[in-house]
Amino acid sequence: MTVLDNGIALERIEDGVLRGRTVPEWANMVGPFGGITAAVLVRAIELQSDVHGQPVALTANYLAPIVDGPFEISARAVRTNRTNQHWYVELSQDREVKTTATAVFGPRRDTWGDTELVRPSAPAPEDVPAGGAGPTWMSNYDMRYVTGGIPGETDGESDSSETLLWLRDNPARPWDFASLAAACDVFYPRVFRRLGRMLPAGTISFTVYFHADTETLAAQGTGHVLARARAQQFSAGHFDQSAQLWATDGALLATSHQIVYFKG
């Protein structure tokens, strides 16, 4: 098992209820990395006997910090029809709900399609040096910053919140929906980039839209994806962030949006 597989490992307790455990490799400043929590919620639904289709969307709401140790996830299908299936999920510790989520799954159909968003240009990942140190969980990724790396002591403020980087699991692991969900949350808080310094911040609500299907992810294999994020507005102690993940062949794999609180 890779470190990601270990972080999303679950055992069935009863129908609709699974048990997992935090692992130290995914530690963040407070509790585990939010991306690994999103990933384990996706995996919990994938393991349900009545799951229908592939992930289309996930929204996770982080109610309270998850502490080190075991947790339970309850998942139930609220409604299923021919085109989609709606899920409600809760992650709890000692009967206290720490994270809630809604998700949409469904079959992928052969229809007309187009991508209006233009993939940013970037040098090949092998031509970009690996990123520097950060919280514990960052060592589980090979991150190669093209622009907008983690601010250093002498960087100062920036007019742009954008970050562009190449990314894959470390050790390299074939992409799937769980790892894609986690990767959408790898960006450090955009307020760090604007102010050039770290300050208390944390995600409140995080949404991923999965544009890739299983065939697209299989074609991506273990290769790097190109990831971009930027904020739109900073005000009253919150900012919003949008991100996109692109395959090496140019396919748009996922987009995400989140709202983050900060102090400062």
Protein backbone atom coordinates (compact mmCIF):
# COMPACT_ATOMS: atom_id res chain seq x y z
CA MET A 1 0.00 0.00 0.00
CA THR A 2 1.17 3.52 -0.77
CA VAL A 3 0.89 6.24 1.82
CA LEU A 4 -2.29 7.46 0.13
CA ASP A 5 -3.83 3.99 0.16
CA ASN A 6 -2.97 3.75 3.84
CA GLY A 7 -4.61 7.12 4.51
CA ILE A 8 -7.92 6.09 2.90
CA ALA A 9 -8.04 2.48 4.13
CA LEU A 10 -11.49 1.56 5.49
CA GLU A 11 -13.11 -1.49 7.03
CA ARG A 12 -16.83 -2.22 6.90
CA ILE A 13 -18.63 -2.13 10.26
CA GLU A 14 -22.16 -2.59 8.93
CA ASP A 15 -24.17 -1.54 5.90
CA GLY A 16 -23.41 2.11 5.24
CA VAL A 17 -20.85 2.44 8.06
CA LEU A 18 -17.07 2.13 7.74
CA ARG A 19 -14.16 2.70 10.09
CA GLY A 20 -10.84 4.34 9.26
CA ARG A 21 -7.91 5.81 11.14
CA THR A 22 -5.75 8.89 10.77
CA VAL A 23 -2.12 8.26 9.86
CA PRO A 24 0.77 10.55 10.89
CA GLU A 25 2.07 10.90 7.33
CA TRP A 26 -0.96 13.07 6.47
CA ALA A 27 -0.63 15.45 9.44
CA ASN A 28 -1.25 19.13 8.77
CA MET A 29 -0.94 22.16 11.05
CA VAL A 30 -4.21 21.19 12.80
CA GLY A 31 -5.51 17.66 12.22
CA PRO A 32 -5.00 15.77 8.95
CA PHE A 33 -4.63 17.36 5.51
CA GLY A 34 -8.10 18.29 4.24
CA GLY A 35 -7.44 16.61 0.91
CA ILE A 36 -6.98 13.19 2.50
CA THR A 37 -10.30 13.67 4.29
CA ALA A 38 -12.02 14.44 0.97
CA ALA A 39 -10.32 11.39 -0.55
CA VAL A 40 -11.51 9.03 2.18
CA LEU A 41 -15.08 10.31 1.76
CA VAL A 42 -14.93 9.48 -1.95
CA ARG A 43 -13.55 6.03 -1.16
CA ALA A 44 -16.29 5.42 1.42
CA ILE A 45 -18.96 5.92 -1.24
CA GLU A 46 -17.07 3.83 -3.79
CA LEU A 47 -17.13 0.93 -1.30
CA GLN A 48 -20.92 0.98 -0.87
CA SER A 49 -22.74 -2.01 -2.37
CA ASP A 50 -25.41 0.20 -3.96
CA VAL A 51 -23.10 2.78 -5.54
CA HIS A 52 -24.17 3.74 -9.05
CA GLY A 53 -21.64 5.05 -11.57
CA GLN A 54 -18.53 7.18 -11.05
CA PRO A 55 -17.90 10.35 -9.00
CA VAL A 56 -19.24 13.54 -10.58
CA ALA A 57 -19.07 16.00 -7.67
CA LEU A 58 -18.16 16.14 -3.99
CA THR A 59 -18.70 18.92 -1.45
CA ALA A 60 -17.06 18.47 1.96
CA ASN A 61 -17.79 20.78 4.89
CA TYR A 62 -15.14 20.77 7.63
CA LEU A 63 -17.04 21.30 10.88
CA ALA A 64 -14.30 20.64 13.44
CA PRO A 65 -10.70 19.39 13.52
CA ILE A 66 -10.22 15.63 13.25
CA VAL A 67 -8.00 14.34 16.05
CA ASP A 68 -5.49 11.52 15.75
CA GLY A 69 -7.09 8.10 15.99
CA PRO A 70 -10.04 6.14 14.60
CA PHE A 71 -13.09 7.64 12.92
CA GLU A 72 -16.33 6.34 11.44
CA ILE A 73 -17.95 7.27 8.15
CA SER A 74 -21.65 6.80 7.47
CA ALA A 75 -22.82 7.02 3.87
CA ARG A 76 -26.30 6.70 2.43
CA ALA A 77 -27.76 7.15 -1.02
CA VAL A 78 -30.48 9.79 -0.73
CA ARG A 79 -31.83 9.33 -4.26
CA THR A 80 -30.91 7.27 -7.31
CA ASN A 81 -32.21 7.72 -10.84
CA ARG A 82 -31.00 6.83 -14.31
CA THR A 83 -28.58 9.76 -14.69
CA ASN A 84 -27.23 10.37 -11.18
CA GLN A 85 -27.12 9.24 -7.58
CA HIS A 86 -27.05 11.61 -4.61
CA TRP A 87 -25.18 10.75 -1.41
CA TYR A 88 -25.00 12.15 2.11
CA VAL A 89 -21.90 11.33 4.17
CA GLU A 90 -20.75 12.05 7.74
CA LEU A 91 -17.35 11.50 9.35
CA SER A 92 -17.52 11.23 13.15
CA GLN A 93 -15.24 10.66 16.13
CA ASP A 94 -16.69 9.62 19.50
CA ARG A 95 -20.17 10.35 18.10
CA GLU A 96 -19.21 13.94 17.28
CA VAL A 97 -19.64 14.85 13.60
CA LYS A 98 -16.42 16.38 12.28
CA THR A 99 -17.11 16.52 8.52
CA THR A 100 -20.24 16.34 6.41
CA ALA A 101 -20.39 15.87 2.66
CA THR A 102 -22.75 15.53 -0.25
CA ALA A 103 -21.73 13.78 -3.44
CA VAL A 104 -23.11 13.02 -6.87
CA PHE A 105 -22.22 9.81 -8.71
CA GLY A 106 -23.47 8.69 -12.07
CA PRO A 107 -22.75 6.80 -15.28
CA ARG A 108 -20.62 8.50 -17.92
CA ARG A 109 -22.39 8.82 -21.28
CA ASP A 110 -21.07 9.38 -24.78
CA THR A 111 -22.21 12.92 -25.62
CA TRP A 112 -20.96 16.06 -27.35
CA GLY A 113 -18.22 17.80 -25.37
CA ASP A 114 -15.83 20.74 -25.41
CA THR A 115 -13.41 22.45 -23.01
CA GLU A 116 -13.57 26.25 -23.05
CA LEU A 117 -10.91 26.74 -20.40
CA VAL A 118 -7.41 26.97 -21.88
CA ARG A 119 -4.67 24.96 -20.23
CA PRO A 120 -1.81 27.21 -19.07
CA SER A 121 1.58 26.75 -20.70
CA ALA A 122 4.36 25.31 -18.57
CA PRO A 123 7.76 23.66 -19.04
CA ALA A 124 7.85 19.88 -18.80
CA PRO A 125 7.81 18.57 -15.20
CA GLU A 126 11.32 17.12 -15.56
CA ASP A 127 12.55 20.65 -16.33
CA VAL A 128 11.12 22.09 -13.10
CA PRO A 129 12.92 21.49 -9.77
CA ALA A 130 11.07 19.79 -6.93
CA GLY A 131 9.53 22.07 -4.31
CA GLY A 132 10.80 22.76 -0.82
CA ALA A 133 9.69 21.80 2.67
CA GLY A 134 6.24 22.28 4.16
CA PRO A 135 3.78 20.51 6.49
CA THR A 136 4.24 16.74 6.94
CA TRP A 137 1.65 15.76 4.32
CA MET A 138 3.48 17.62 1.53
CA SER A 139 6.20 14.95 1.49
CA ASN A 140 3.55 12.61 0.03
CA TYR A 141 3.65 14.60 -3.21
CA ASP A 142 6.21 15.41 -5.87
CA MET A 143 5.49 19.13 -6.28
CA ARG A 144 7.27 21.18 -8.92
CA TYR A 145 6.32 24.85 -8.76
CA VAL A 146 6.31 26.71 -12.07
CA THR A 147 5.07 29.94 -10.43
CA GLY A 148 3.81 30.86 -6.98
CA GLY A 149 5.87 28.60 -4.75
CA ILE A 150 5.58 28.72 -0.97
CA PRO A 151 6.63 32.24 0.09
CA GLY A 152 10.02 32.66 1.69
CA GLU A 153 11.05 35.17 4.33
CA THR A 154 12.27 37.67 1.73
CA ASP A 155 9.51 37.30 -0.87
CA GLY A 156 7.15 40.00 0.41
CA GLU A 157 3.64 40.72 -0.84
CA SER A 158 2.42 39.75 -4.30
CA ASP A 159 -0.17 41.28 -6.62
CA SER A 160 -1.26 37.80 -7.71
CA SER A 161 -2.54 34.83 -5.72
CA GLU A 162 -1.93 32.36 -8.57
CA THR A 163 0.14 29.19 -8.22
CA LEU A 164 0.99 26.82 -11.07
CA LEU A 165 2.75 23.52 -10.42
CA TRP A 166 3.30 19.99 -11.63
CA LEU A 167 2.09 17.40 -9.17
CA ARG A 168 1.90 13.66 -8.55
CA ASP A 169 1.85 11.25 -5.62
CA ASN A 170 5.12 10.34 -3.91
CA PRO A 171 5.75 7.48 -4.41
CA ALA A 172 4.15 7.61 -7.84
CA ARG A 173 0.72 5.97 -7.86
CA PRO A 174 -1.90 5.54 -10.62
CA TRP A 175 -4.46 8.32 -10.48
CA ASP A 176 -7.99 7.51 -9.34
CA PHE A 177 -10.92 9.56 -8.09
CA ALA A 178 -9.80 9.52 -4.46
CA SER A 179 -6.29 10.77 -5.29
CA LEU A 180 -7.76 13.36 -7.67
CA ALA A 181 -9.96 14.72 -4.87
CA ALA A 182 -6.95 14.97 -2.54
CA ALA A 183 -4.81 16.67 -5.20
CA CYS A 184 -7.39 19.42 -5.67
CA ASP A 185 -6.57 20.61 -2.14
CA VAL A 186 -2.76 20.65 -2.29
CA PHE A 187 -2.48 24.43 -2.66
CA TYR A 188 -1.32 26.35 0.38
CA PRO A 189 -3.73 29.17 1.40
CA ARG A 190 -3.80 31.93 -1.23
CA VAL A 191 -3.56 34.61 1.45
CA PHE A 192 0.00 33.38 2.13
CA ARG A 193 0.87 34.17 -1.49
CA ARG A 194 -0.65 37.65 -1.43
CA LEU A 195 0.83 38.71 1.91
CA GLY A 196 4.11 36.81 1.60
CA ARG A 197 3.79 35.27 5.04
CA MET A 198 1.95 32.51 6.89
CA LEU A 199 -0.99 33.17 9.18
CA PRO A 200 -3.83 31.08 10.63
CA ALA A 201 -6.11 29.82 7.84
CA GLY A 202 -8.27 26.80 7.12
CA THR A 203 -10.76 25.48 4.58
CA ILE A 204 -14.42 25.58 5.60
CA SER A 205 -16.09 24.09 2.51
CA PHE A 206 -14.45 22.34 -0.44
CA THR A 207 -16.05 21.21 -3.71
CA VAL A 208 -14.56 19.06 -6.47
CA TYR A 209 -16.06 18.50 -9.92
CA PHE A 210 -14.70 15.38 -11.57
CA HIS A 211 -14.47 15.84 -15.35
CA ALA A 212 -12.33 12.73 -15.91
CA ASP A 213 -13.75 9.24 -16.22
CA THR A 214 -11.98 5.98 -15.39
CA GLU A 215 -10.56 5.67 -18.93
CA THR A 216 -9.08 9.19 -18.79
CA LEU A 217 -7.48 8.48 -15.41
CA ALA A 218 -6.11 5.16 -16.65
CA ALA A 219 -4.48 6.97 -19.58
CA GLN A 220 -2.88 9.44 -17.15
CA GLY A 221 -1.23 6.56 -15.28
CA THR A 222 1.25 7.79 -12.69
CA GLY A 223 2.28 10.93 -14.59
CA HIS A 224 2.34 14.49 -13.27
CA VAL A 225 -0.75 16.67 -13.56
CA LEU A 226 -0.61 20.42 -14.09
CA ALA A 227 -2.38 22.21 -11.23
CA ARG A 228 -3.38 25.87 -11.03
CA ALA A 229 -5.13 27.82 -8.26
CA ARG A 230 -6.02 31.42 -7.53
CA ALA A 231 -8.34 33.39 -5.26
CA GLN A 232 -11.04 35.78 -6.42
CA GLN A 233 -11.78 37.87 -3.31
CA PHE A 234 -10.31 38.45 0.14
CA SER A 235 -12.67 40.10 2.64
CA ALA A 236 -14.00 39.92 6.20
CA GLY A 237 -11.72 37.05 7.17
CA HIS A 238 -12.54 34.78 4.21
CA PHE A 239 -11.36 34.16 0.66
CA ASP A 240 -12.52 31.89 -2.11
CA GLN A 241 -10.22 29.78 -4.28
CA SER A 242 -10.67 28.10 -7.66
CA ALA A 243 -8.37 25.41 -9.03
CA GLN A 244 -7.95 23.18 -12.08
CA LEU A 245 -6.02 19.96 -12.66
CA TRP A 246 -4.88 19.07 -16.19
CA ALA A 247 -3.59 15.79 -17.60
CA THR A 248 -0.27 15.61 -19.42
CA ASP A 249 -2.19 15.20 -22.71
CA GLY A 250 -4.16 18.41 -22.06
CA ALA A 251 -7.42 16.91 -20.75
CA LEU A 252 -9.12 18.81 -17.93
CA LEU A 253 -9.35 16.25 -15.12
CA ALA A 254 -11.05 18.22 -12.33
CA THR A 255 -11.97 21.68 -11.13
CA SER A 256 -12.47 22.71 -7.52
CA HIS A 257 -13.72 25.60 -5.45
CA GLN A 258 -13.38 26.31 -1.75
CA ILE A 259 -14.03 28.96 0.87
CA VAL A 260 -11.29 29.54 3.45
CA TYR A 261 -11.18 31.52 6.69
CA PHE A 262 -8.09 33.45 7.74
CA LYS A 263 -6.93 35.66 10.60
CA GLY A 264 -4.76 38.68 9.98
